[in-house]
PDB file of N, CA and C in Angstrom:
ATOM      1  N   MET A   1     -13.962 -42.294   4.665  1.00  0.00           N
ATOM      2  CA  MET A   1     -13.424 -41.002   4.264  1.00  0.00           C
ATOM      3  C   MET A   1     -11.992 -40.903   4.751  1.00  0.00           C
ATOM      4  N   LYS A   2     -11.088 -40.585   3.838  1.00  0.00           N
ATOM      5  CA  LYS A   2      -9.681 -40.498   4.232  1.00  0.00           C
ATOM      6  C   LYS A   2      -9.393 -39.143   4.864  1.00  0.00           C
ATOM      7  N   ASN A   3      -8.419 -39.106   5.747  1.00  0.00           N
ATOM      8  CA  ASN A   3      -8.012 -37.847   6.369  1.00  0.00           C
ATOM      9  C   ASN A   3      -7.262 -37.000   5.357  1.00  0.00           C
ATOM     10  N   LYS A   4      -7.634 -35.740   5.253  1.00  0.00           N
ATOM     11  CA  LYS A   4      -6.978 -34.831   4.310  1.00  0.00           C
ATOM     12  C   LYS A   4      -5.828 -34.118   5.006  1.00  0.00           C
ATOM     13  N   THR A   5      -4.821 -33.785   4.231  1.00  0.00           N
ATOM     14  CA  THR A   5      -3.752 -32.952   4.763  1.00  0.00           C
ATOM     15  C   THR A   5      -4.253 -31.516   4.807  1.00  0.00           C
ATOM     16  N   ARG A   6      -3.570 -30.695   5.535  1.00  0.00           N
ATOM     17  CA  ARG A   6      -3.957 -29.278   5.632  1.00  0.00           C
ATOM     18  C   ARG A   6      -3.956 -28.635   4.249  1.00  0.00           C
ATOM     19  N   ARG A   7      -2.961 -28.950   3.428  1.00  0.00           N
ATOM     20  CA  ARG A   7      -2.874 -28.379   2.083  1.00  0.00           C
ATOM     21  C   ARG A   7      -4.063 -28.783   1.225  1.00  0.00           C
ATOM     22  N   GLU A   8      -4.439 -30.063   1.271  1.00  0.00           N
ATOM     23  CA  GLU A   8      -5.589 -30.530   0.497  1.00  0.00           C
ATOM     24  C   GLU A   8      -6.876 -29.863   0.973  1.00  0.00           C
ATOM     25  N   PHE A   9      -7.025 -29.722   2.283  1.00  0.00           N
ATOM     26  CA  PHE A   9      -8.207 -29.060   2.836  1.00  0.00           C
ATOM     27  C   PHE A   9      -8.305 -27.620   2.356  1.00  0.00           C
ATOM     28  N   LEU A  10      -7.188 -26.878   2.408  1.00  0.00           N
ATOM     29  CA  LEU A  10      -7.202 -25.473   1.991  1.00  0.00           C
ATOM     30  C   LEU A  10      -7.497 -25.335   0.500  1.00  0.00           C
ATOM     31  N   LYS A  11      -6.929 -26.208  -0.317  1.00  0.00           N
ATOM     32  CA  LYS A  11      -7.210 -26.157  -1.756  1.00  0.00           C
ATOM     33  C   LYS A  11      -8.690 -26.413  -2.037  1.00  0.00           C
ATOM     34  N   THR A  12      -9.242 -27.411  -1.386  1.00  0.00           N
ATOM     35  CA  THR A  12     -10.658 -27.741  -1.580  1.00  0.00           C
ATOM     36  C   THR A  12     -11.549 -26.608  -1.095  1.00  0.00           C
ATOM     37  N   SER A  13     -11.218 -26.037   0.063  1.00  0.00           N
ATOM     38  CA  SER A  13     -12.012 -24.934   0.614  1.00  0.00           C
ATOM     39  C   SER A  13     -11.977 -23.713  -0.287  1.00  0.00           C
ATOM     40  N   ALA A  14     -10.787 -23.377  -0.787  1.00  0.00           N
ATOM     41  CA  ALA A  14     -10.664 -22.215  -1.668  1.00  0.00           C
ATOM     42  C   ALA A  14     -11.466 -22.415  -2.949  1.00  0.00           C
ATOM     43  N   ALA A  15     -11.407 -23.598  -3.502  1.00  0.00           N
ATOM     44  CA  ALA A  15     -12.170 -23.877  -4.729  1.00  0.00           C
ATOM     45  C   ALA A  15     -13.669 -23.792  -4.459  1.00  0.00           C
ATOM     46  N   ALA A  16     -14.113 -24.329  -3.335  1.00  0.00           N
ATOM     47  CA  ALA A  16     -15.539 -24.292  -3.011  1.00  0.00           C
ATOM     48  C   ALA A  16     -16.021 -22.870  -2.787  1.00  0.00           C
ATOM     49  N   MET A  17     -15.218 -22.046  -2.123  1.00  0.00           N
ATOM     50  CA  MET A  17     -15.610 -20.660  -1.895  1.00  0.00           C
ATOM     51  C   MET A  17     -15.702 -19.895  -3.204  1.00  0.00           C
ATOM     52  N   THR A  18     -14.760 -20.122  -4.105  1.00  0.00           N
ATOM     53  CA  THR A  18     -14.766 -19.425  -5.388  1.00  0.00           C
ATOM     54  C   THR A  18     -16.014 -19.786  -6.183  1.00  0.00           C
ATOM     55  N   VAL A  19     -16.345 -21.053  -6.237  1.00  0.00           N
ATOM     56  CA  VAL A  19     -17.538 -21.490  -6.955  1.00  0.00           C
ATOM     57  C   VAL A  19     -18.783 -20.940  -6.285  1.00  0.00           C
ATOM     58  N   GLY A  20     -18.827 -20.934  -4.958  1.00  0.00           N
ATOM     59  CA  GLY A  20     -19.982 -20.403  -4.232  1.00  0.00           C
ATOM     60  C   GLY A  20     -20.172 -18.924  -4.457  1.00  0.00           C
ATOM     61  N   TRP A  21     -19.074 -18.168  -4.483  1.00  0.00           N
ATOM     62  CA  TRP A  21     -19.157 -16.720  -4.708  1.00  0.00           C
ATOM     63  C   TRP A  21     -19.785 -16.403  -6.058  1.00  0.00           C
ATOM     64  N   ALA A  22     -19.358 -17.143  -7.035  1.00  0.00           N
ATOM     65  CA  ALA A  22     -19.744 -16.797  -8.392  1.00  0.00           C
ATOM     66  C   ALA A  22     -20.996 -17.536  -8.855  1.00  0.00           C
ATOM     67  N   GLY A  23     -21.616 -18.263  -7.979  1.00  0.00           N
ATOM     68  CA  GLY A  23     -22.802 -19.011  -8.393  1.00  0.00           C
ATOM     69  C   GLY A  23     -22.456 -20.099  -9.376  1.00  0.00           C
ATOM     70  N   GLY A  24     -21.237 -20.622  -9.252  1.00  0.00           N
ATOM     71  CA  GLY A  24     -20.831 -21.719 -10.104  1.00  0.00           C
ATOM     72  C   GLY A  24     -20.028 -21.305 -11.320  1.00  0.00           C
ATOM     73  N   THR A  25     -19.819 -19.999 -11.562  1.00  0.00           N
ATOM     74  CA  THR A  25     -19.087 -19.583 -12.760  1.00  0.00           C
ATOM     75  C   THR A  25     -17.593 -19.488 -12.517  1.00  0.00           C
ATOM     76  N   GLY A  26     -17.157 -19.402 -11.265  1.00  0.00           N
ATOM     77  CA  GLY A  26     -15.733 -19.310 -10.971  1.00  0.00           C
ATOM     78  C   GLY A  26     -15.192 -17.896 -10.930  1.00  0.00           C
ATOM     79  N   ALA A  27     -16.037 -16.886 -11.207  1.00  0.00           N
ATOM     80  CA  ALA A  27     -15.565 -15.498 -11.207  1.00  0.00           C
ATOM     81  C   ALA A  27     -15.804 -14.864  -9.839  1.00  0.00           C
ATOM     82  N   MET A  28     -14.907 -13.990  -9.409  1.00  0.00           N
ATOM     83  CA  MET A  28     -15.067 -13.283  -8.146  1.00  0.00           C
ATOM     84  C   MET A  28     -16.078 -12.156  -8.325  1.00  0.00           C
ATOM     85  N   PRO A  29     -16.848 -11.831  -7.289  1.00  0.00           N
ATOM     86  CA  PRO A  29     -17.792 -10.719  -7.386  1.00  0.00           C
ATOM     87  C   PRO A  29     -17.063  -9.387  -7.414  1.00  0.00           C
ATOM     88  N   ALA A  30     -17.683  -8.400  -8.017  1.00  0.00           N
ATOM     89  CA  ALA A  30     -17.108  -7.054  -8.067  1.00  0.00           C
ATOM     90  C   ALA A  30     -17.308  -6.368  -6.728  1.00  0.00           C
ATOM     91  N   ALA A  31     -16.568  -5.292  -6.503  1.00  0.00           N
ATOM     92  CA  ALA A  31     -16.718  -4.525  -5.265  1.00  0.00           C
ATOM     93  C   ALA A  31     -18.145  -4.022  -5.144  1.00  0.00           C
ATOM     94  N   GLY A  32     -18.724  -4.205  -3.978  1.00  0.00           N
ATOM     95  CA  GLY A  32     -20.083  -3.747  -3.734  1.00  0.00           C
ATOM     96  C   GLY A  32     -21.160  -4.705  -4.193  1.00  0.00           C
ATOM     97  N   GLU A  33     -20.780  -5.767  -4.905  1.00  0.00           N
ATOM     98  CA  GLU A  33     -21.765  -6.725  -5.414  1.00  0.00           C
ATOM     99  C   GLU A  33     -22.261  -7.612  -4.273  1.00  0.00           C
ATOM    100  N   THR A  34     -23.517  -7.948  -4.299  1.00  0.00           N
ATOM    101  CA  THR A  34     -24.062  -8.856  -3.298  1.00  0.00           C
ATOM    102  C   THR A  34     -24.318 -10.200  -3.951  1.00  0.00           C
ATOM    103  N   VAL A  35     -23.996 -11.243  -3.224  1.00  0.00           N
ATOM    104  CA  VAL A  35     -24.221 -12.609  -3.698  1.00  0.00           C
ATOM    105  C   VAL A  35     -24.850 -13.381  -2.554  1.00  0.00           C
ATOM    106  N   GLY A  36     -25.968 -13.995  -2.799  1.00  0.00           N
ATOM    107  CA  GLY A  36     -26.618 -14.782  -1.759  1.00  0.00           C
ATOM    108  C   GLY A  36     -27.138 -13.942  -0.607  1.00  0.00           C
ATOM    109  N   GLY A  37     -27.481 -12.682  -0.862  1.00  0.00           N
ATOM    110  CA  GLY A  37     -28.069 -11.847   0.161  1.00  0.00           C
ATOM    111  C   GLY A  37     -27.082 -11.086   1.028  1.00  0.00           C
ATOM    112  N   GLY A  38     -25.782 -11.299   0.846  1.00  0.00           N
ATOM    113  CA  GLY A  38     -24.805 -10.580   1.668  1.00  0.00           C
ATOM    114  C   GLY A  38     -23.728  -9.938   0.823  1.00  0.00           C
ATOM    115  N   GLN A  39     -23.271  -8.767   1.237  1.00  0.00           N
ATOM    116  CA  GLN A  39     -22.234  -8.072   0.486  1.00  0.00           C
ATOM    117  C   GLN A  39     -20.890  -8.711   0.802  1.00  0.00           C
ATOM    118  N   LEU A  40     -20.192  -9.193  -0.222  1.00  0.00           N
ATOM    119  CA  LEU A  40     -18.932  -9.886  -0.019  1.00  0.00           C
ATOM    120  C   LEU A  40     -17.735  -8.944  -0.003  1.00  0.00           C
ATOM    121  N   ARG A  41     -17.708  -7.981  -0.894  1.00  0.00           N
ATOM    122  CA  ARG A  41     -16.591  -7.051  -0.967  1.00  0.00           C
ATOM    123  C   ARG A  41     -17.149  -5.649  -0.834  1.00  0.00           C
ATOM    124  N   PRO A  42     -16.685  -4.896   0.162  1.00  0.00           N
ATOM    125  CA  PRO A  42     -17.213  -3.541   0.318  1.00  0.00           C
ATOM    126  C   PRO A  42     -16.800  -2.639  -0.829  1.00  0.00           C
ATOM    127  N   SER A  43     -17.629  -1.661  -1.112  1.00  0.00           N
ATOM    128  CA  SER A  43     -17.294  -0.659  -2.120  1.00  0.00           C
ATOM    129  C   SER A  43     -16.197   0.241  -1.557  1.00  0.00           C
ATOM    130  N   PRO A  44     -15.331   0.783  -2.405  1.00  0.00           N
ATOM    131  CA  PRO A  44     -14.305   1.695  -1.903  1.00  0.00           C
ATOM    132  C   PRO A  44     -14.955   2.945  -1.316  1.00  0.00           C
ATOM    133  N   PRO A  45     -14.327   3.533  -0.282  1.00  0.00           N
ATOM    134  CA  PRO A  45     -14.910   4.730   0.315  1.00  0.00           C
ATOM    135  C   PRO A  45     -14.870   5.902  -0.654  1.00  0.00           C
ATOM    136  N   PRO A  46     -15.802   6.837  -0.529  1.00  0.00           N
ATOM    137  CA  PRO A  46     -15.771   8.013  -1.404  1.00  0.00           C
ATOM    138  C   PRO A  46     -14.577   8.897  -1.058  1.00  0.00           C
ATOM    139  N   ALA A  47     -14.164   9.706  -1.996  1.00  0.00           N
ATOM    140  CA  ALA A  47     -13.049  10.621  -1.759  1.00  0.00           C
ATOM    141  C   ALA A  47     -13.429  11.602  -0.654  1.00  0.00           C
ATOM    142  N   SER A  48     -12.464  11.958   0.171  1.00  0.00           N
ATOM    143  CA  SER A  48     -12.713  12.900   1.265  1.00  0.00           C
ATOM    144  C   SER A  48     -12.752  14.311   0.709  1.00  0.00           C
ATOM    145  N   PRO A  49     -13.884  14.982   0.800  1.00  0.00           N
ATOM    146  CA  PRO A  49     -13.955  16.350   0.285  1.00  0.00           C
ATOM    147  C   PRO A  49     -13.158  17.288   1.187  1.00  0.00           C
ATOM    148  N   GLY A  50     -12.483  18.236   0.579  1.00  0.00           N
ATOM    149  CA  GLY A  50     -11.760  19.239   1.347  1.00  0.00           C
ATOM    150  C   GLY A  50     -10.339  18.861   1.701  1.00  0.00           C
ATOM    151  N   TYR A  51      -9.928  17.623   1.441  1.00  0.00           N
ATOM    152  CA  TYR A  51      -8.563  17.215   1.739  1.00  0.00           C
ATOM    153  C   TYR A  51      -7.815  16.960   0.434  1.00  0.00           C
ATOM    154  N   PRO A  52      -6.676  17.604   0.236  1.00  0.00           N
ATOM    155  CA  PRO A  52      -5.915  17.326  -0.978  1.00  0.00           C
ATOM    156  C   PRO A  52      -5.277  15.939  -0.882  1.00  0.00           C
ATOM    157  N   PRO A  53      -5.002  15.322  -2.005  1.00  0.00           N
ATOM    158  CA  PRO A  53      -4.333  14.017  -1.963  1.00  0.00           C
ATOM    159  C   PRO A  53      -2.917  14.171  -1.398  1.00  0.00           C
ATOM    160  N   PHE A  54      -2.416  13.100  -0.803  1.00  0.00           N
ATOM    161  CA  PHE A  54      -1.064  13.122  -0.256  1.00  0.00           C
ATOM    162  C   PHE A  54      -0.046  13.197  -1.383  1.00  0.00           C
ATOM    163  N   ALA A  55       0.992  13.983  -1.153  1.00  0.00           N
ATOM    164  CA  ALA A  55       2.079  14.066  -2.124  1.00  0.00           C
ATOM    165  C   ALA A  55       2.998  12.863  -1.926  1.00  0.00           C
ATOM    166  N   LEU A  56       3.440  12.298  -3.013  1.00  0.00           N
ATOM    167  CA  LEU A  56       4.344  11.166  -2.959  1.00  0.00           C
ATOM    168  C   LEU A  56       5.743  11.661  -2.646  1.00  0.00           C
ATOM    169  N   GLY A  57       6.417  11.015  -1.741  1.00  0.00           N
ATOM    170  CA  GLY A  57       7.780  11.396  -1.372  1.00  0.00           C
ATOM    171  C   GLY A  57       8.608  10.153  -1.122  1.00  0.00           C
ATOM    172  N   ILE A  58       9.830  10.355  -0.682  1.00  0.00           N
ATOM    173  CA  ILE A  58      10.705   9.236  -0.373  1.00  0.00           C
ATOM    174  C   ILE A  58      11.357   9.472   0.983  1.00  0.00           C
ATOM    175  N   ILE A  59      11.920   8.420   1.540  1.00  0.00           N
ATOM    176  CA  ILE A  59      12.684   8.483   2.779  1.00  0.00           C
ATOM    177  C   ILE A  59      14.129   8.186   2.407  1.00  0.00           C
ATOM    178  N   LEU A  60      15.043   9.040   2.840  1.00  0.00           N
ATOM    179  CA  LEU A  60      16.440   8.792   2.527  1.00  0.00           C
ATOM    180  C   LEU A  60      17.333   9.312   3.637  1.00  0.00           C
ATOM    181  N   GLY A  61      18.484   8.699   3.735  1.00  0.00           N
ATOM    182  CA  GLY A  61      19.500   9.158   4.663  1.00  0.00           C
ATOM    183  C   GLY A  61      20.359  10.203   3.970  1.00  0.00           C
ATOM    184  N   ILE A  62      20.822  11.196   4.729  1.00  0.00           N
ATOM    185  CA  ILE A  62      21.597  12.259   4.087  1.00  0.00           C
ATOM    186  C   ILE A  62      23.096  12.106   4.302  1.00  0.00           C
ATOM    187  N   GLY A  63      23.512  11.273   5.242  1.00  0.00           N
ATOM    188  CA  GLY A  63      24.941  11.111   5.493  1.00  0.00           C
ATOM    189  C   GLY A  63      25.581  12.435   5.835  1.00  0.00           C
ATOM    190  N   HIS A  64      26.721  12.731   5.193  1.00  0.00           N
ATOM    191  CA  HIS A  64      27.440  13.988   5.429  1.00  0.00           C
ATOM    192  C   HIS A  64      27.225  14.987   4.300  1.00  0.00           C
ATOM    193  N   ASN A  65      26.349  14.656   3.345  1.00  0.00           N
ATOM    194  CA  ASN A  65      26.168  15.505   2.177  1.00  0.00           C
ATOM    195  C   ASN A  65      24.677  15.774   1.933  1.00  0.00           C
ATOM    196  N   PRO A  66      24.075  16.699   2.682  1.00  0.00           N
ATOM    197  CA  PRO A  66      22.647  16.948   2.493  1.00  0.00           C
ATOM    198  C   PRO A  66      22.309  17.520   1.124  1.00  0.00           C
ATOM    199  N   GLU A  67      23.228  18.273   0.528  1.00  0.00           N
ATOM    200  CA  GLU A  67      22.970  18.841  -0.802  1.00  0.00           C
ATOM    201  C   GLU A  67      22.740  17.744  -1.831  1.00  0.00           C
ATOM    202  N   ALA A  68      23.573  16.707  -1.803  1.00  0.00           N
ATOM    203  CA  ALA A  68      23.427  15.606  -2.764  1.00  0.00           C
ATOM    204  C   ALA A  68      22.127  14.836  -2.515  1.00  0.00           C
ATOM    205  N   ALA A  69      21.755  14.680  -1.242  1.00  0.00           N
ATOM    206  CA  ALA A  69      20.518  13.962  -0.923  1.00  0.00           C
ATOM    207  C   ALA A  69      19.305  14.731  -1.449  1.00  0.00           C
ATOM    208  N   ILE A  70      19.260  16.034  -1.215  1.00  0.00           N
ATOM    209  CA  ILE A  70      18.127  16.849  -1.684  1.00  0.00           C
ATOM    210  C   ILE A  70      18.115  16.907  -3.217  1.00  0.00           C
ATOM    211  N   ARG A  71      19.284  16.959  -3.825  1.00  0.00           N
ATOM    212  CA  ARG A  71      19.378  16.954  -5.293  1.00  0.00           C
ATOM    213  C   ARG A  71      18.774  15.657  -5.850  1.00  0.00           C
ATOM    214  N   GLU A  72      19.036  14.540  -5.169  1.00  0.00           N
ATOM    215  CA  GLU A  72      18.486  13.257  -5.608  1.00  0.00           C
ATOM    216  C   GLU A  72      16.955  13.271  -5.540  1.00  0.00           C
ATOM    217  N   VAL A  73      16.408  13.868  -4.489  1.00  0.00           N
ATOM    218  CA  VAL A  73      14.955  13.978  -4.366  1.00  0.00           C
ATOM    219  C   VAL A  73      14.395  14.786  -5.528  1.00  0.00           C
ATOM    220  N   ARG A  74      15.016  15.909  -5.821  1.00  0.00           N
ATOM    221  CA  ARG A  74      14.545  16.765  -6.928  1.00  0.00           C
ATOM    222  C   ARG A  74      14.701  16.075  -8.274  1.00  0.00           C
ATOM    223  N   ASP A  75      15.822  15.347  -8.469  1.00  0.00           N
ATOM    224  CA  ASP A  75      16.042  14.641  -9.737  1.00  0.00           C
ATOM    225  C   ASP A  75      14.979  13.567  -9.974  1.00  0.00           C
ATOM    226  N   LEU A  76      14.469  12.986  -8.893  1.00  0.00           N
ATOM    227  CA  LEU A  76      13.413  11.986  -9.018  1.00  0.00           C
ATOM    228  C   LEU A  76      12.043  12.615  -9.227  1.00  0.00           C
ATOM    229  N   GLY A  77      11.961  13.935  -9.116  1.00  0.00           N
ATOM    230  CA  GLY A  77      10.697  14.631  -9.305  1.00  0.00           C
ATOM    231  C   GLY A  77       9.765  14.544  -8.106  1.00  0.00           C
ATOM    232  N   MET A  78      10.314  14.226  -6.952  1.00  0.00           N
ATOM    233  CA  MET A  78       9.504  14.111  -5.742  1.00  0.00           C
ATOM    234  C   MET A  78       9.336  15.481  -5.086  1.00  0.00           C
ATOM    235  N   PRO A  79       8.108  15.823  -4.651  1.00  0.00           N
ATOM    236  CA  PRO A  79       7.895  17.121  -4.016  1.00  0.00           C
ATOM    237  C   PRO A  79       8.232  17.127  -2.527  1.00  0.00           C
ATOM    238  N   THR A  80       8.324  15.941  -1.918  1.00  0.00           N
ATOM    239  CA  THR A  80       8.578  15.862  -0.482  1.00  0.00           C
ATOM    240  C   THR A  80       9.559  14.743  -0.178  1.00  0.00           C
ATOM    241  N   CYS A  81      10.125  14.804   1.003  1.00  0.00           N
ATOM    242  CA  CYS A  81      10.985  13.715   1.463  1.00  0.00           C
ATOM    243  C   CYS A  81      11.004  13.695   2.986  1.00  0.00           C
ATOM    244  N   GLN A  82      11.390  12.573   3.518  1.00  0.00           N
ATOM    245  CA  GLN A  82      11.621  12.430   4.953  1.00  0.00           C
ATOM    246  C   GLN A  82      13.085  12.073   5.098  1.00  0.00           C
ATOM    247  N   LEU A  83      13.791  12.818   5.923  1.00  0.00           N
ATOM    248  CA  LEU A  83      15.225  12.616   6.071  1.00  0.00           C
ATOM    249  C   LEU A  83      15.537  11.773   7.291  1.00  0.00           C
ATOM    250  N   GLN A  84      16.475  10.864   7.113  1.00  0.00           N
ATOM    251  CA  GLN A  84      17.003  10.113   8.239  1.00  0.00           C
ATOM    252  C   GLN A  84      18.381  10.686   8.520  1.00  0.00           C
ATOM    253  N   ILE A  85      18.545  11.229   9.715  1.00  0.00           N
ATOM    254  CA  ILE A  85      19.781  11.917  10.060  1.00  0.00           C
ATOM    255  C   ILE A  85      20.422  11.189  11.224  1.00  0.00           C
ATOM    256  N   GLY A  86      21.657  10.739  11.014  1.00  0.00           N
ATOM    257  CA  GLY A  86      22.367  10.014  12.057  1.00  0.00           C
ATOM    258  C   GLY A  86      22.945  10.927  13.125  1.00  0.00           C
ATOM    259  N   TYR A  87      23.297  12.111  12.746  1.00  0.00           N
ATOM    260  CA  TYR A  87      23.846  13.093  13.699  1.00  0.00           C
ATOM    261  C   TYR A  87      23.336  14.463  13.288  1.00  0.00           C
ATOM    262  N   LEU A  88      23.354  15.399  14.184  1.00  0.00           N
ATOM    263  CA  LEU A  88      22.854  16.726  13.878  1.00  0.00           C
ATOM    264  C   LEU A  88      23.742  17.752  14.567  1.00  0.00           C
ATOM    265  N   ASP A  89      24.352  18.588  13.770  1.00  0.00           N
ATOM    266  CA  ASP A  89      25.135  19.686  14.332  1.00  0.00           C
ATOM    267  C   ASP A  89      24.706  20.987  13.661  1.00  0.00           C
ATOM    268  N   ASP A  90      25.215  22.115  14.157  1.00  0.00           N
ATOM    269  CA  ASP A  90      24.794  23.429  13.646  1.00  0.00           C
ATOM    270  C   ASP A  90      25.102  23.575  12.164  1.00  0.00           C
ATOM    271  N   ASN A  91      26.245  23.090  11.711  1.00  0.00           N
ATOM    272  CA  ASN A  91      26.637  23.196  10.316  1.00  0.00           C
ATOM    273  C   ASN A  91      25.638  22.445   9.422  1.00  0.00           C
ATOM    274  N   LEU A  92      25.262  21.238   9.832  1.00  0.00           N
ATOM    275  CA  LEU A  92      24.323  20.438   9.051  1.00  0.00           C
ATOM    276  C   LEU A  92      22.940  21.105   9.003  1.00  0.00           C
ATOM    277  N   VAL A  93      22.499  21.662  10.116  1.00  0.00           N
ATOM    278  CA  VAL A  93      21.214  22.340  10.151  1.00  0.00           C
ATOM    279  C   VAL A  93      21.216  23.522   9.186  1.00  0.00           C
ATOM    280  N   GLU A  94      22.287  24.275   9.184  1.00  0.00           N
ATOM    281  CA  GLU A  94      22.388  25.429   8.276  1.00  0.00           C
ATOM    282  C   GLU A  94      22.377  24.979   6.811  1.00  0.00           C
ATOM    283  N   ARG A  95      23.124  23.928   6.502  1.00  0.00           N
ATOM    284  CA  ARG A  95      23.169  23.418   5.114  1.00  0.00           C
ATOM    285  C   ARG A  95      21.807  22.881   4.679  1.00  0.00           C
ATOM    286  N   LEU A  96      21.090  22.229   5.566  1.00  0.00           N
ATOM    287  CA  LEU A  96      19.760  21.731   5.221  1.00  0.00           C
ATOM    288  C   LEU A  96      18.788  22.885   4.978  1.00  0.00           C
ATOM    289  N   GLY A  97      18.911  23.934   5.766  1.00  0.00           N
ATOM    290  CA  GLY A  97      18.036  25.088   5.601  1.00  0.00           C
ATOM    291  C   GLY A  97      18.213  25.775   4.267  1.00  0.00           C
ATOM    292  N   GLU A  98      19.394  25.716   3.725  1.00  0.00           N
ATOM    293  CA  GLU A  98      19.655  26.344   2.429  1.00  0.00           C
ATOM    294  C   GLU A  98      19.016  25.545   1.327  1.00  0.00           C
TER     295      GLU A  98
END
């Protein structure tokens, strides 16, 4: 038996696992499906009752122009954002509040 390289070993192992999963057909099992008495891929968790889904937002730096940064968020149709602020002074806080 010749010594295999790591790459050859991994290719052979991956092929063997795929064939074993599918009972020789080469197809991966579906979520929650059991093969050979054991569950291979867990089913997705159920939705959490009572919790609204997270709103999609973006992270952006505001530089010296918070109005333009917030306008960009609104133009993208995002309901939320996280601001990265390099400095903070009273004027900037007031402009952000508006």
